[in-house]
Amino acid sequence: MEIYVGNLSYDATEEDIKKAFQEFGEVEAVKIITDRYSGRSKGFGFVTMPNDSEGKAAIDGLNGKNMQGRDLKVNEARQRM
């Protein structure tokens, strides 16, 4: 399951996000989207969890949760067109 994570602190690391999601199950990959020129975080990213039920539990558990002073927006990622 591909999960969108938005409203991230610009200081959040992929390891910070992985730790939060691992409370709900196995995390396959974490990717914070960065600006191509500055390398700075754009404030959102994606988490891949192989088990859909664990992914749904993570969405329910982390959506709206405060991380580093920001309330996360967590939902199932939409497919790209």
PDB file of N, CA and C in Angstrom:
ATOM      1  N   MET A   1       0.848  -1.181   0.000  1.00  0.00           N
ATOM      2  CA  MET A   1       0.000   0.000   0.000  1.00  0.00           C
ATOM      3  C   MET A   1       0.886   1.234   0.000  1.00  0.00           C
ATOM      4  N   GLU A   2       0.580   2.145  -0.896  1.00  0.00           N
ATOM      5  CA  GLU A   2       1.310   3.413  -0.995  1.00  0.00           C
ATOM      6  C   GLU A   2       0.527   4.465  -0.196  1.00  0.00           C
ATOM      7  N   ILE A   3       1.214   5.134   0.729  1.00  0.00           N
ATOM      8  CA  ILE A   3       0.567   6.087   1.632  1.00  0.00           C
ATOM      9  C   ILE A   3       1.195   7.476   1.454  1.00  0.00           C
ATOM     10  N   TYR A   4       0.331   8.476   1.291  1.00  0.00           N
ATOM     11  CA  TYR A   4       0.761   9.877   1.202  1.00  0.00           C
ATOM     12  C   TYR A   4       0.870  10.435   2.613  1.00  0.00           C
ATOM     13  N   VAL A   5       1.954  11.160   2.880  1.00  0.00           N
ATOM     14  CA  VAL A   5       2.153  11.814   4.170  1.00  0.00           C
ATOM     15  C   VAL A   5       2.429  13.288   3.892  1.00  0.00           C
ATOM     16  N   GLY A   6       1.507  14.159   4.292  1.00  0.00           N
ATOM     17  CA  GLY A   6       1.649  15.577   4.028  1.00  0.00           C
ATOM     18  C   GLY A   6       1.754  16.398   5.299  1.00  0.00           C
ATOM     19  N   ASN A   7       2.059  17.665   5.119  1.00  0.00           N
ATOM     20  CA  ASN A   7       2.228  18.637   6.202  1.00  0.00           C
ATOM     21  C   ASN A   7       3.393  18.258   7.114  1.00  0.00           C
ATOM     22  N   LEU A   8       4.438  17.688   6.510  1.00  0.00           N
ATOM     23  CA  LEU A   8       5.628  17.312   7.273  1.00  0.00           C
ATOM     24  C   LEU A   8       6.445  18.543   7.636  1.00  0.00           C
ATOM     25  N   SER A   9       7.074  18.486   8.785  1.00  0.00           N
ATOM     26  CA  SER A   9       8.052  19.500   9.152  1.00  0.00           C
ATOM     27  C   SER A   9       9.202  19.422   8.153  1.00  0.00           C
ATOM     28  N   TYR A  10       9.771  20.557   7.790  1.00  0.00           N
ATOM     29  CA  TYR A  10      10.908  20.557   6.875  1.00  0.00           C
ATOM     30  C   TYR A  10      12.128  19.898   7.502  1.00  0.00           C
ATOM     31  N   ASP A  11      12.105  19.722   8.835  1.00  0.00           N
ATOM     32  CA  ASP A  11      13.218  19.080   9.535  1.00  0.00           C
ATOM     33  C   ASP A  11      13.036  17.574   9.665  1.00  0.00           C
ATOM     34  N   ALA A  12      11.860  17.046   9.314  1.00  0.00           N
ATOM     35  CA  ALA A  12      11.600  15.609   9.441  1.00  0.00           C
ATOM     36  C   ALA A  12      12.499  14.821   8.482  1.00  0.00           C
ATOM     37  N   THR A  13      12.998  13.705   8.972  1.00  0.00           N
ATOM     38  CA  THR A  13      13.835  12.841   8.139  1.00  0.00           C
ATOM     39  C   THR A  13      13.051  11.585   7.760  1.00  0.00           C
ATOM     40  N   GLU A  14      13.552  10.873   6.764  1.00  0.00           N
ATOM     41  CA  GLU A  14      12.915   9.615   6.377  1.00  0.00           C
ATOM     42  C   GLU A  14      12.930   8.638   7.545  1.00  0.00           C
ATOM     43  N   GLU A  15      13.975   8.691   8.350  1.00  0.00           N
ATOM     44  CA  GLU A  15      14.058   7.799   9.524  1.00  0.00           C
ATOM     45  C   GLU A  15      12.981   8.153  10.555  1.00  0.00           C
ATOM     46  N   ASP A  16      12.698   9.440  10.769  1.00  0.00           N
ATOM     47  CA  ASP A  16      11.633   9.868  11.691  1.00  0.00           C
ATOM     48  C   ASP A  16      10.289   9.284  11.243  1.00  0.00           C
ATOM     49  N   ILE A  17      10.022   9.380   9.959  1.00  0.00           N
ATOM     50  CA  ILE A  17       8.751   8.903   9.421  1.00  0.00           C
ATOM     51  C   ILE A  17       8.670   7.389   9.524  1.00  0.00           C
ATOM     52  N   LYS A  18       9.772   6.726   9.206  1.00  0.00           N
ATOM     53  CA  LYS A  18       9.799   5.256   9.276  1.00  0.00           C
ATOM     54  C   LYS A  18       9.489   4.778  10.696  1.00  0.00           C
ATOM     55  N   LYS A  19      10.083   5.425  11.691  1.00  0.00           N
ATOM     56  CA  LYS A  19       9.848   5.040  13.090  1.00  0.00           C
ATOM     57  C   LYS A  19       8.367   5.181  13.456  1.00  0.00           C
ATOM     58  N   ALA A  20       7.740   6.270  13.019  1.00  0.00           N
ATOM     59  CA  ALA A  20       6.321   6.495  13.329  1.00  0.00           C
ATOM     60  C   ALA A  20       5.450   5.416  12.695  1.00  0.00           C
ATOM     61  N   PHE A  21       5.731   5.063  11.453  1.00  0.00           N
ATOM     62  CA  PHE A  21       4.917   4.075  10.744  1.00  0.00           C
ATOM     63  C   PHE A  21       5.201   2.652  11.203  1.00  0.00           C
ATOM     64  N   GLN A  22       6.411   2.380  11.679  1.00  0.00           N
ATOM     65  CA  GLN A  22       6.749   1.033  12.136  1.00  0.00           C
ATOM     66  C   GLN A  22       5.949   0.618  13.364  1.00  0.00           C
ATOM     67  N   GLU A  23       5.363   1.564  14.067  1.00  0.00           N
ATOM     68  CA  GLU A  23       4.505   1.214  15.200  1.00  0.00           C
ATOM     69  C   GLU A  23       3.281   0.431  14.737  1.00  0.00           C
ATOM     70  N   PHE A  24       2.958   0.522  13.439  1.00  0.00           N
ATOM     71  CA  PHE A  24       1.761  -0.113  12.898  1.00  0.00           C
ATOM     72  C   PHE A  24       2.077  -1.336  12.045  1.00  0.00           C
ATOM     73  N   GLY A  25       3.340  -1.560  11.719  1.00  0.00           N
ATOM     74  CA  GLY A  25       3.708  -2.728  10.929  1.00  0.00           C
ATOM     75  C   GLY A  25       4.975  -2.501  10.124  1.00  0.00           C
ATOM     76  N   GLU A  26       5.202  -3.410   9.179  1.00  0.00           N
ATOM     77  CA  GLU A  26       6.413  -3.378   8.356  1.00  0.00           C
ATOM     78  C   GLU A  26       6.385  -2.221   7.362  1.00  0.00           C
ATOM     79  N   VAL A  27       7.499  -1.497   7.300  1.00  0.00           N
ATOM     80  CA  VAL A  27       7.649  -0.394   6.345  1.00  0.00           C
ATOM     81  C   VAL A  27       8.666  -0.830   5.300  1.00  0.00           C
ATOM     82  N   GLU A  28       8.228  -0.823   4.042  1.00  0.00           N
ATOM     83  CA  GLU A  28       9.094  -1.243   2.948  1.00  0.00           C
ATOM     84  C   GLU A  28       9.986  -0.090   2.463  1.00  0.00           C
ATOM     85  N   ALA A  29       9.403   1.114   2.359  1.00  0.00           N
ATOM     86  CA  ALA A  29      10.170   2.256   1.853  1.00  0.00           C
ATOM     87  C   ALA A  29       9.560   3.571   2.328  1.00  0.00           C
ATOM     88  N   VAL A  30      10.422   4.587   2.462  1.00  0.00           N
ATOM     89  CA  VAL A  30       9.992   5.944   2.806  1.00  0.00           C
ATOM     90  C   VAL A  30      10.715   6.889   1.856  1.00  0.00           C
ATOM     91  N   LYS A  31       9.981   7.841   1.294  1.00  0.00           N
ATOM     92  CA  LYS A  31      10.593   8.817   0.374  1.00  0.00           C
ATOM     93  C   LYS A  31      10.011  10.195   0.658  1.00  0.00           C
ATOM     94  N   ILE A  32      10.857  11.119   1.101  1.00  0.00           N
ATOM     95  CA  ILE A  32      10.456  12.516   1.251  1.00  0.00           C
ATOM     96  C   ILE A  32      10.759  13.200  -0.079  1.00  0.00           C
ATOM     97  N   ILE A  33       9.793  13.929  -0.600  1.00  0.00           N
ATOM     98  CA  ILE A  33       9.968  14.628  -1.862  1.00  0.00           C
ATOM     99  C   ILE A  33      10.724  15.934  -1.605  1.00  0.00           C
ATOM    100  N   THR A  34      11.777  16.141  -2.369  1.00  0.00           N
ATOM    101  CA  THR A  34      12.621  17.321  -2.180  1.00  0.00           C
ATOM    102  C   THR A  34      12.633  18.188  -3.432  1.00  0.00           C
ATOM    103  N   ASP A  35      12.943  19.460  -3.224  1.00  0.00           N
ATOM    104  CA  ASP A  35      13.086  20.396  -4.329  1.00  0.00           C
ATOM    105  C   ASP A  35      14.331  20.018  -5.134  1.00  0.00           C
ATOM    106  N   ARG A  36      14.180  19.960  -6.420  1.00  0.00           N
ATOM    107  CA  ARG A  36      15.275  19.517  -7.298  1.00  0.00           C
ATOM    108  C   ARG A  36      16.479  20.448  -7.231  1.00  0.00           C
ATOM    109  N   TYR A  37      16.270  21.721  -6.995  1.00  0.00           N
ATOM    110  CA  TYR A  37      17.379  22.683  -7.023  1.00  0.00           C
ATOM    111  C   TYR A  37      18.007  22.910  -5.652  1.00  0.00           C
ATOM    112  N   SER A  38      17.163  23.086  -4.632  1.00  0.00           N
ATOM    113  CA  SER A  38      17.713  23.384  -3.307  1.00  0.00           C
ATOM    114  C   SER A  38      17.966  22.126  -2.483  1.00  0.00           C
ATOM    115  N   GLY A  39      17.285  21.023  -2.830  1.00  0.00           N
ATOM    116  CA  GLY A  39      17.419  19.800  -2.049  1.00  0.00           C
ATOM    117  C   GLY A  39      16.592  19.811  -0.773  1.00  0.00           C
ATOM    118  N   ARG A  40      15.863  20.898  -0.551  1.00  0.00           N
ATOM    119  CA  ARG A  40      15.051  21.046   0.663  1.00  0.00           C
ATOM    120  C   ARG A  40      13.736  20.269   0.529  1.00  0.00           C
ATOM    121  N   SER A  41      13.264  19.744   1.631  1.00  0.00           N
ATOM    122  CA  SER A  41      11.997  19.009   1.649  1.00  0.00           C
ATOM    123  C   SER A  41      10.858  19.896   1.169  1.00  0.00           C
ATOM    124  N   LYS A  42       9.934  19.300   0.427  1.00  0.00           N
ATOM    125  CA  LYS A  42       8.737  20.025   0.000  1.00  0.00           C
ATOM    126  C   LYS A  42       7.601  19.865   1.016  1.00  0.00           C
ATOM    127  N   GLY A  43       7.848  19.130   2.110  1.00  0.00           N
ATOM    128  CA  GLY A  43       6.847  18.996   3.169  1.00  0.00           C
ATOM    129  C   GLY A  43       5.884  17.840   2.982  1.00  0.00           C
ATOM    130  N   PHE A  44       6.205  16.939   2.056  1.00  0.00           N
ATOM    131  CA  PHE A  44       5.381  15.743   1.917  1.00  0.00           C
ATOM    132  C   PHE A  44       6.224  14.593   1.406  1.00  0.00           C
ATOM    133  N   GLY A  45       5.665  13.398   1.525  1.00  0.00           N
ATOM    134  CA  GLY A  45       6.388  12.214   1.072  1.00  0.00           C
ATOM    135  C   GLY A  45       5.457  11.027   0.972  1.00  0.00           C
ATOM    136  N   PHE A  46       6.057   9.861   0.781  1.00  0.00           N
ATOM    137  CA  PHE A  46       5.297   8.633   0.602  1.00  0.00           C
ATOM    138  C   PHE A  46       5.923   7.509   1.408  1.00  0.00           C
ATOM    139  N   VAL A  47       5.064   6.641   1.919  1.00  0.00           N
ATOM    140  CA  VAL A  47       5.493   5.459   2.663  1.00  0.00           C
ATOM    141  C   VAL A  47       4.875   4.250   1.972  1.00  0.00           C
ATOM    142  N   THR A  48       5.667   3.205   1.799  1.00  0.00           N
ATOM    143  CA  THR A  48       5.151   1.963   1.234  1.00  0.00           C
ATOM    144  C   THR A  48       5.124   0.907   2.333  1.00  0.00           C
ATOM    145  N   MET A  49       3.938   0.344   2.544  1.00  0.00           N
ATOM    146  CA  MET A  49       3.764  -0.742   3.513  1.00  0.00           C
ATOM    147  C   MET A  49       3.180  -1.939   2.758  1.00  0.00           C
ATOM    148  N   PRO A  50       3.822  -3.112   2.847  1.00  0.00           N
ATOM    149  CA  PRO A  50       3.381  -4.262   2.057  1.00  0.00           C
ATOM    150  C   PRO A  50       2.041  -4.853   2.499  1.00  0.00           C
ATOM    151  N   ASN A  51       1.655  -4.653   3.744  1.00  0.00           N
ATOM    152  CA  ASN A  51       0.418  -5.221   4.267  1.00  0.00           C
ATOM    153  C   ASN A  51      -0.662  -4.136   4.315  1.00  0.00           C
ATOM    154  N   ASP A  52      -1.754  -4.329   3.547  1.00  0.00           N
ATOM    155  CA  ASP A  52      -2.809  -3.307   3.466  1.00  0.00           C
ATOM    156  C   ASP A  52      -3.478  -3.025   4.802  1.00  0.00           C
ATOM    157  N   SER A  53      -3.703  -4.059   5.617  1.00  0.00           N
ATOM    158  CA  SER A  53      -4.377  -3.820   6.898  1.00  0.00           C
ATOM    159  C   SER A  53      -3.477  -3.002   7.838  1.00  0.00           C
ATOM    160  N   GLU A  54      -2.177  -3.241   7.798  1.00  0.00           N
ATOM    161  CA  GLU A  54      -1.242  -2.442   8.599  1.00  0.00           C
ATOM    162  C   GLU A  54      -1.189  -1.013   8.067  1.00  0.00           C
ATOM    163  N   GLY A  55      -1.246  -0.865   6.747  1.00  0.00           N
ATOM    164  CA  GLY A  55      -1.263   0.462   6.143  1.00  0.00           C
ATOM    165  C   GLY A  55      -2.485   1.263   6.551  1.00  0.00           C
ATOM    166  N   LYS A  56      -3.645   0.611   6.533  1.00  0.00           N
ATOM    167  CA  LYS A  56      -4.883   1.287   6.946  1.00  0.00           C
ATOM    168  C   LYS A  56      -4.831   1.668   8.424  1.00  0.00           C
ATOM    169  N   ALA A  57      -4.251   0.793   9.240  1.00  0.00           N
ATOM    170  CA  ALA A  57      -4.099   1.102  10.669  1.00  0.00           C
ATOM    171  C   ALA A  57      -3.180   2.306  10.860  1.00  0.00           C
ATOM    172  N   ALA A  58      -2.115   2.385  10.059  1.00  0.00           N
ATOM    173  CA  ALA A  58      -1.193   3.525  10.149  1.00  0.00           C
ATOM    174  C   ALA A  58      -1.889   4.821   9.738  1.00  0.00           C
ATOM    175  N   ILE A  59      -2.701   4.753   8.680  1.00  0.00           N
ATOM    176  CA  ILE A  59      -3.442   5.937   8.238  1.00  0.00           C
ATOM    177  C   ILE A  59      -4.367   6.406   9.358  1.00  0.00           C
ATOM    178  N   ASP A  60      -5.143   5.470   9.929  1.00  0.00           N
ATOM    179  CA  ASP A  60      -6.070   5.820  11.011  1.00  0.00           C
ATOM    180  C   ASP A  60      -5.337   6.354  12.235  1.00  0.00           C
ATOM    181  N   GLY A  61      -4.181   5.768  12.539  1.00  0.00           N
ATOM    182  CA  GLY A  61      -3.446   6.149  13.745  1.00  0.00           C
ATOM    183  C   GLY A  61      -2.639   7.429  13.616  1.00  0.00           C
ATOM    184  N   LEU A  62      -2.203   7.762  12.404  1.00  0.00           N
ATOM    185  CA  LEU A  62      -1.301   8.904  12.247  1.00  0.00           C
ATOM    186  C   LEU A  62      -1.937  10.134  11.618  1.00  0.00           C
ATOM    187  N   ASN A  63      -3.067   9.994  10.943  1.00  0.00           N
ATOM    188  CA  ASN A  63      -3.706  11.163  10.333  1.00  0.00           C
ATOM    189  C   ASN A  63      -4.127  12.147  11.426  1.00  0.00           C
ATOM    190  N   GLY A  64      -3.633  13.364  11.348  1.00  0.00           N
ATOM    191  CA  GLY A  64      -3.942  14.387  12.349  1.00  0.00           C
ATOM    192  C   GLY A  64      -3.007  14.379  13.544  1.00  0.00           C
ATOM    193  N   LYS A  65      -2.135  13.383  13.642  1.00  0.00           N
ATOM    194  CA  LYS A  65      -1.202  13.302  14.769  1.00  0.00           C
ATOM    195  C   LYS A  65      -0.108  14.356  14.615  1.00  0.00           C
ATOM    196  N   ASN A  66       0.276  14.964  15.717  1.00  0.00           N
ATOM    197  CA  ASN A  66       1.302  15.992  15.705  1.00  0.00           C
ATOM    198  C   ASN A  66       2.683  15.347  15.665  1.00  0.00           C
ATOM    199  N   MET A  67       3.485  15.767  14.686  1.00  0.00           N
ATOM    200  CA  MET A  67       4.874  15.308  14.589  1.00  0.00           C
ATOM    201  C   MET A  67       5.742  16.532  14.348  1.00  0.00           C
ATOM    202  N   GLN A  68       6.626  16.812  15.286  1.00  0.00           N
ATOM    203  CA  GLN A  68       7.554  17.948  15.183  1.00  0.00           C
ATOM    204  C   GLN A  68       6.803  19.264  14.953  1.00  0.00           C
ATOM    205  N   GLY A  69       5.673  19.433  15.664  1.00  0.00           N
ATOM    206  CA  GLY A  69       4.938  20.693  15.623  1.00  0.00           C
ATOM    207  C   GLY A  69       3.960  20.841  14.464  1.00  0.00           C
ATOM    208  N   ARG A  70       3.777  19.801  13.644  1.00  0.00           N
ATOM    209  CA  ARG A  70       2.859  19.859  12.505  1.00  0.00           C
ATOM    210  C   ARG A  70       1.870  18.694  12.599  1.00  0.00           C
ATOM    211  N   ASP A  71       0.607  18.961  12.277  1.00  0.00           N
ATOM    212  CA  ASP A  71      -0.407  17.905  12.252  1.00  0.00           C
ATOM    213  C   ASP A  71      -0.343  17.204  10.898  1.00  0.00           C
ATOM    214  N   LEU A  72       0.007  15.929  10.925  1.00  0.00           N
ATOM    215  CA  LEU A  72       0.183  15.174   9.684  1.00  0.00           C
ATOM    216  C   LEU A  72      -1.129  14.977   8.939  1.00  0.00           C
ATOM    217  N   LYS A  73      -1.034  14.948   7.630  1.00  0.00           N
ATOM    218  CA  LYS A  73      -2.152  14.564   6.767  1.00  0.00           C
ATOM    219  C   LYS A  73      -1.731  13.251   6.119  1.00  0.00           C
ATOM    220  N   VAL A  74      -2.412  12.178   6.484  1.00  0.00           N
ATOM    221  CA  VAL A  74      -2.027  10.845   6.036  1.00  0.00           C
ATOM    222  C   VAL A  74      -3.226  10.179   5.374  1.00  0.00           C
ATOM    223  N   ASN A  75      -3.041   9.732   4.132  1.00  0.00           N
ATOM    224  CA  ASN A  75      -4.097   8.987   3.450  1.00  0.00           C
ATOM    225  C   ASN A  75      -3.499   8.108   2.357  1.00  0.00           C
ATOM    226  N   GLU A  76      -4.343   7.266   1.791  1.00  0.00           N
ATOM    227  CA  GLU A  76      -3.865   6.372   0.734  1.00  0.00           C
ATOM    228  C   GLU A  76      -3.500   7.220  -0.486  1.00  0.00           C
ATOM    229  N   ALA A  77      -2.327   6.951  -1.034  1.00  0.00           N
ATOM    230  CA  ALA A  77      -1.850   7.729  -2.184  1.00  0.00           C
ATOM    231  C   ALA A  77      -2.704   7.425  -3.404  1.00  0.00           C
ATOM    232  N   ARG A  78      -2.988   8.466  -4.179  1.00  0.00           N
ATOM    233  CA  ARG A  78      -3.718   8.301  -5.442  1.00  0.00           C
ATOM    234  C   ARG A  78      -2.745   7.850  -6.514  1.00  0.00           C
ATOM    235  N   GLN A  79      -3.231   7.063  -7.441  1.00  0.00           N
ATOM    236  CA  GLN A  79      -2.390   6.610  -8.557  1.00  0.00           C
ATOM    237  C   GLN A  79      -2.110   7.777  -9.492  1.00  0.00           C
ATOM    238  N   ARG A  80      -0.899   7.829 -10.023  1.00  0.00           N
ATOM    239  CA  ARG A  80      -0.546   8.865 -10.996  1.00  0.00           C
ATOM    240  C   ARG A  80      -1.199   8.559 -12.325  1.00  0.00           C
ATOM    241  N   MET A  81      -1.537   9.597 -13.025  1.00  0.00           N
ATOM    242  CA  MET A  81      -2.170   9.418 -14.346  1.00  0.00           C
ATOM    243  C   MET A  81      -1.119   9.384 -15.434  1.00  0.00           C
TER     244      MET A  81
END
